Amino acid sequence: MKTIRNWAKKLKQRIMVLYFSCKDQRIPWYAKLFTACVVGFAFSPIDLIPDFIPILGLLDDLILVPLGIKAAIGMIPEQVLQDSEAKVKAMQGSTKPKPGNWVAGLIVILIWLLILNWIILELFVS
């Protein structure tokens, strides 16, 4: 259980590193865009696959987020990562609230509404 907690803590730290890296002007636009999507997905209050769906609901948290983090870290220059890690370490004792991304949450809601709309149209209009 301690290993899982340590893994989750490192994952959260990596997300914060990406959050600060995304704001840095030294990373290319495509890395910034991808990193913003990964951070937005991780911070989103709404999951792509709701957690109440057995097994599938946890897959986005257990597979997609770590894969996205790994890919984003590979796109960011090492110096930017080091600077962002220093910011995260400086922030760790702070009571400042963690960032949230309501835009990503709204996008996920929009996707689910479009899927629901398509299902309703297929079931009742056809």
C-alpha atoms as a PDB file:
ATOM      1  CA  MET A   1       0.000   0.000   0.000  1.00  0.00           C
ATOM      2  CA  LYS A   2       2.890   2.345   0.757  1.00  0.00           C
ATOM      3  CA  THR A   3       4.284   1.737  -2.734  1.00  0.00           C
ATOM      4  CA  ILE A   4       0.990   2.785  -4.305  1.00  0.00           C
ATOM      5  CA  ARG A   5       0.898   5.960  -2.207  1.00  0.00           C
ATOM      6  CA  ASN A   6       4.464   6.834  -3.227  1.00  0.00           C
ATOM      7  CA  TRP A   7       3.612   6.205  -6.885  1.00  0.00           C
ATOM      8  CA  ALA A   8       0.522   8.431  -6.637  1.00  0.00           C
ATOM      9  CA  LYS A   9       2.532  11.165  -4.897  1.00  0.00           C
ATOM     10  CA  LYS A  10       5.200  11.099  -7.623  1.00  0.00           C
ATOM     11  CA  LEU A  11       2.489  11.185 -10.262  1.00  0.00           C
ATOM     12  CA  LYS A  12       0.947  14.297  -8.691  1.00  0.00           C
ATOM     13  CA  GLN A  13       4.365  15.941  -8.509  1.00  0.00           C
ATOM     14  CA  ARG A  14       4.994  15.180 -12.184  1.00  0.00           C
ATOM     15  CA  ILE A  15       1.647  16.721 -13.107  1.00  0.00           C
ATOM     16  CA  MET A  16       2.596  19.882 -11.228  1.00  0.00           C
ATOM     17  CA  VAL A  17       5.980  19.921 -12.995  1.00  0.00           C
ATOM     18  CA  LEU A  18       4.138  19.742 -16.295  1.00  0.00           C
ATOM     19  CA  TYR A  19       1.780  22.491 -15.152  1.00  0.00           C
ATOM     20  CA  PHE A  20       4.682  24.868 -14.552  1.00  0.00           C
ATOM     21  CA  SER A  21       6.525  23.689 -17.671  1.00  0.00           C
ATOM     22  CA  CYS A  22       3.494  24.423 -19.809  1.00  0.00           C
ATOM     23  CA  LYS A  23       3.664  28.075 -18.818  1.00  0.00           C
ATOM     24  CA  ASP A  24       7.348  28.347 -19.815  1.00  0.00           C
ATOM     25  CA  GLN A  25       8.109  30.186 -23.054  1.00  0.00           C
ATOM     26  CA  ARG A  26      11.113  27.939 -23.813  1.00  0.00           C
ATOM     27  CA  ILE A  27       9.064  24.916 -24.867  1.00  0.00           C
ATOM     28  CA  PRO A  28       7.794  24.486 -28.453  1.00  0.00           C
ATOM     29  CA  TRP A  29       4.137  25.201 -29.205  1.00  0.00           C
ATOM     30  CA  TYR A  30       3.288  21.546 -29.919  1.00  0.00           C
ATOM     31  CA  ALA A  31       4.801  20.462 -26.596  1.00  0.00           C
ATOM     32  CA  LYS A  32       2.922  23.249 -24.841  1.00  0.00           C
ATOM     33  CA  LEU A  33      -0.360  22.195 -26.462  1.00  0.00           C
ATOM     34  CA  PHE A  34       0.120  18.507 -25.643  1.00  0.00           C
ATOM     35  CA  THR A  35       1.272  19.273 -22.098  1.00  0.00           C
ATOM     36  CA  ALA A  36      -1.721  21.558 -21.534  1.00  0.00           C
ATOM     37  CA  CYS A  37      -4.031  18.737 -22.635  1.00  0.00           C
ATOM     38  CA  VAL A  38      -2.350  16.245 -20.289  1.00  0.00           C
ATOM     39  CA  VAL A  39      -2.458  18.659 -17.349  1.00  0.00           C
ATOM     40  CA  GLY A  40      -6.047  19.630 -18.135  1.00  0.00           C
ATOM     41  CA  PHE A  41      -7.064  15.986 -18.312  1.00  0.00           C
ATOM     42  CA  ALA A  42      -5.308  15.202 -15.025  1.00  0.00           C
ATOM     43  CA  PHE A  43      -6.758  18.238 -13.201  1.00  0.00           C
ATOM     44  CA  SER A  44     -10.191  17.924 -14.740  1.00  0.00           C
ATOM     45  CA  PRO A  45     -12.927  17.438 -12.158  1.00  0.00           C
ATOM     46  CA  ILE A  46     -14.700  15.163 -14.638  1.00  0.00           C
ATOM     47  CA  ASP A  47     -13.211  11.954 -16.006  1.00  0.00           C
ATOM     48  CA  LEU A  48     -13.399  10.917 -19.631  1.00  0.00           C
ATOM     49  CA  ILE A  49     -14.694   7.562 -18.418  1.00  0.00           C
ATOM     50  CA  PRO A  50     -16.655   7.945 -15.149  1.00  0.00           C
ATOM     51  CA  ASP A  51     -15.116   6.075 -12.199  1.00  0.00           C
ATOM     52  CA  PHE A  52     -18.383   4.306 -11.355  1.00  0.00           C
ATOM     53  CA  ILE A  53     -18.044   2.188 -14.526  1.00  0.00           C
ATOM     54  CA  PRO A  54     -16.298  -0.998 -13.325  1.00  0.00           C
ATOM     55  CA  ILE A  55     -12.676  -1.401 -14.427  1.00  0.00           C
ATOM     56  CA  LEU A  56     -12.945   1.019 -17.388  1.00  0.00           C
ATOM     57  CA  GLY A  57     -13.578   3.952 -15.068  1.00  0.00           C
ATOM     58  CA  LEU A  58     -10.149   3.641 -13.515  1.00  0.00           C
ATOM     59  CA  LEU A  59      -8.259   2.974 -16.740  1.00  0.00           C
ATOM     60  CA  ASP A  60      -7.994   6.642 -17.669  1.00  0.00           C
ATOM     61  CA  ASP A  61      -6.399   7.421 -14.309  1.00  0.00           C
ATOM     62  CA  LEU A  62      -4.111   4.390 -14.254  1.00  0.00           C
ATOM     63  CA  ILE A  63      -3.039   4.242 -17.901  1.00  0.00           C
ATOM     64  CA  LEU A  64      -3.805   7.412 -19.856  1.00  0.00           C
ATOM     65  CA  VAL A  65      -2.473   9.913 -17.335  1.00  0.00           C
ATOM     66  CA  PRO A  66       0.929   8.210 -16.798  1.00  0.00           C
ATOM     67  CA  LEU A  67       1.372   7.671 -20.552  1.00  0.00           C
ATOM     68  CA  GLY A  68       0.506  11.291 -21.240  1.00  0.00           C
ATOM     69  CA  ILE A  69       2.921  12.466 -18.561  1.00  0.00           C
ATOM     70  CA  LYS A  70       5.741  10.349 -19.991  1.00  0.00           C
ATOM     71  CA  ALA A  71       5.114  11.620 -23.533  1.00  0.00           C
ATOM     72  CA  ALA A  72       4.912  15.264 -22.401  1.00  0.00           C
ATOM     73  CA  ILE A  73       8.113  15.017 -20.366  1.00  0.00           C
ATOM     74  CA  GLY A  74       9.874  13.682 -23.456  1.00  0.00           C
ATOM     75  CA  MET A  75       8.918  16.844 -25.379  1.00  0.00           C
ATOM     76  CA  ILE A  76      10.123  19.352 -22.785  1.00  0.00           C
ATOM     77  CA  PRO A  77      13.755  20.526 -22.601  1.00  0.00           C
ATOM     78  CA  GLU A  78      15.657  19.287 -19.533  1.00  0.00           C
ATOM     79  CA  GLN A  79      16.385  22.796 -18.221  1.00  0.00           C
ATOM     80  CA  VAL A  80      12.679  23.668 -18.245  1.00  0.00           C
ATOM     81  CA  LEU A  81      11.900  20.461 -16.334  1.00  0.00           C
ATOM     82  CA  GLN A  82      14.567  21.261 -13.736  1.00  0.00           C
ATOM     83  CA  ASP A  83      13.241  24.801 -13.272  1.00  0.00           C
ATOM     84  CA  SER A  84       9.682  23.498 -12.946  1.00  0.00           C
ATOM     85  CA  GLU A  85      10.751  20.848 -10.415  1.00  0.00           C
ATOM     86  CA  ALA A  86      12.332  23.606  -8.332  1.00  0.00           C
ATOM     87  CA  LYS A  87       9.030  25.517  -8.395  1.00  0.00           C
ATOM     88  CA  VAL A  88       7.135  22.405  -7.287  1.00  0.00           C
ATOM     89  CA  LYS A  89       9.565  21.818  -4.400  1.00  0.00           C
ATOM     90  CA  ALA A  90       9.206  25.449  -3.328  1.00  0.00           C
ATOM     91  CA  MET A  91       5.426  25.116  -3.423  1.00  0.00           C
ATOM     92  CA  GLN A  92       5.196  21.863  -1.411  1.00  0.00           C
ATOM     93  CA  GLY A  93       4.978  23.512   2.014  1.00  0.00           C
ATOM     94  CA  SER A  94       2.532  26.131   0.773  1.00  0.00           C
ATOM     95  CA  THR A  95      -1.195  26.220   1.520  1.00  0.00           C
ATOM     96  CA  LYS A  96      -1.867  27.690  -1.930  1.00  0.00           C
ATOM     97  CA  PRO A  97      -4.702  25.772  -3.646  1.00  0.00           C
ATOM     98  CA  LYS A  98      -3.847  23.463  -6.527  1.00  0.00           C
ATOM     99  CA  PRO A  99      -4.887  24.604  -9.977  1.00  0.00           C
ATOM    100  CA  GLY A 100      -8.066  23.309 -11.518  1.00  0.00           C
ATOM    101  CA  ASN A 101      -8.978  23.194 -15.146  1.00  0.00           C
ATOM    102  CA  TRP A 102     -12.666  23.802 -15.717  1.00  0.00           C
ATOM    103  CA  VAL A 103     -12.140  24.238 -19.448  1.00  0.00           C
ATOM    104  CA  ALA A 104     -11.027  20.601 -19.709  1.00  0.00           C
ATOM    105  CA  GLY A 105     -14.004  19.608 -17.574  1.00  0.00           C
ATOM    106  CA  LEU A 106     -16.370  21.470 -19.883  1.00  0.00           C
ATOM    107  CA  ILE A 107     -14.832  19.785 -22.919  1.00  0.00           C
ATOM    108  CA  VAL A 108     -15.394  16.347 -21.357  1.00  0.00           C
ATOM    109  CA  ILE A 109     -19.003  17.306 -20.544  1.00  0.00           C
ATOM    110  CA  LEU A 110     -19.475  18.474 -24.136  1.00  0.00           C
ATOM    111  CA  ILE A 111     -18.128  15.165 -25.457  1.00  0.00           C
ATOM    112  CA  TRP A 112     -20.519  13.202 -23.230  1.00  0.00           C
ATOM    113  CA  LEU A 113     -23.448  15.400 -24.293  1.00  0.00           C
ATOM    114  CA  LEU A 114     -22.624  14.841 -27.958  1.00  0.00           C
ATOM    115  CA  ILE A 115     -22.471  11.077 -27.388  1.00  0.00           C
ATOM    116  CA  LEU A 116     -25.769  11.186 -25.497  1.00  0.00           C
ATOM    117  CA  ASN A 117     -27.339  13.252 -28.270  1.00  0.00           C
ATOM    118  CA  TRP A 118     -26.142  10.756 -30.894  1.00  0.00           C
ATOM    119  CA  ILE A 119     -27.543   7.822 -28.875  1.00  0.00           C
ATOM    120  CA  ILE A 120     -30.911   9.540 -28.463  1.00  0.00           C
ATOM    121  CA  LEU A 121     -31.075  10.364 -32.163  1.00  0.00           C
ATOM    122  CA  GLU A 122     -30.192   6.783 -33.117  1.00  0.00           C
ATOM    123  CA  LEU A 123     -32.714   5.230 -30.733  1.00  0.00           C
ATOM    124  CA  PHE A 124     -35.699   7.524 -31.152  1.00  0.00           C
ATOM    125  CA  VAL A 125     -35.378   9.222 -34.533  1.00  0.00           C
ATOM    126  CA  SER A 126     -34.405   6.252 -36.697  1.00  0.00           C
END
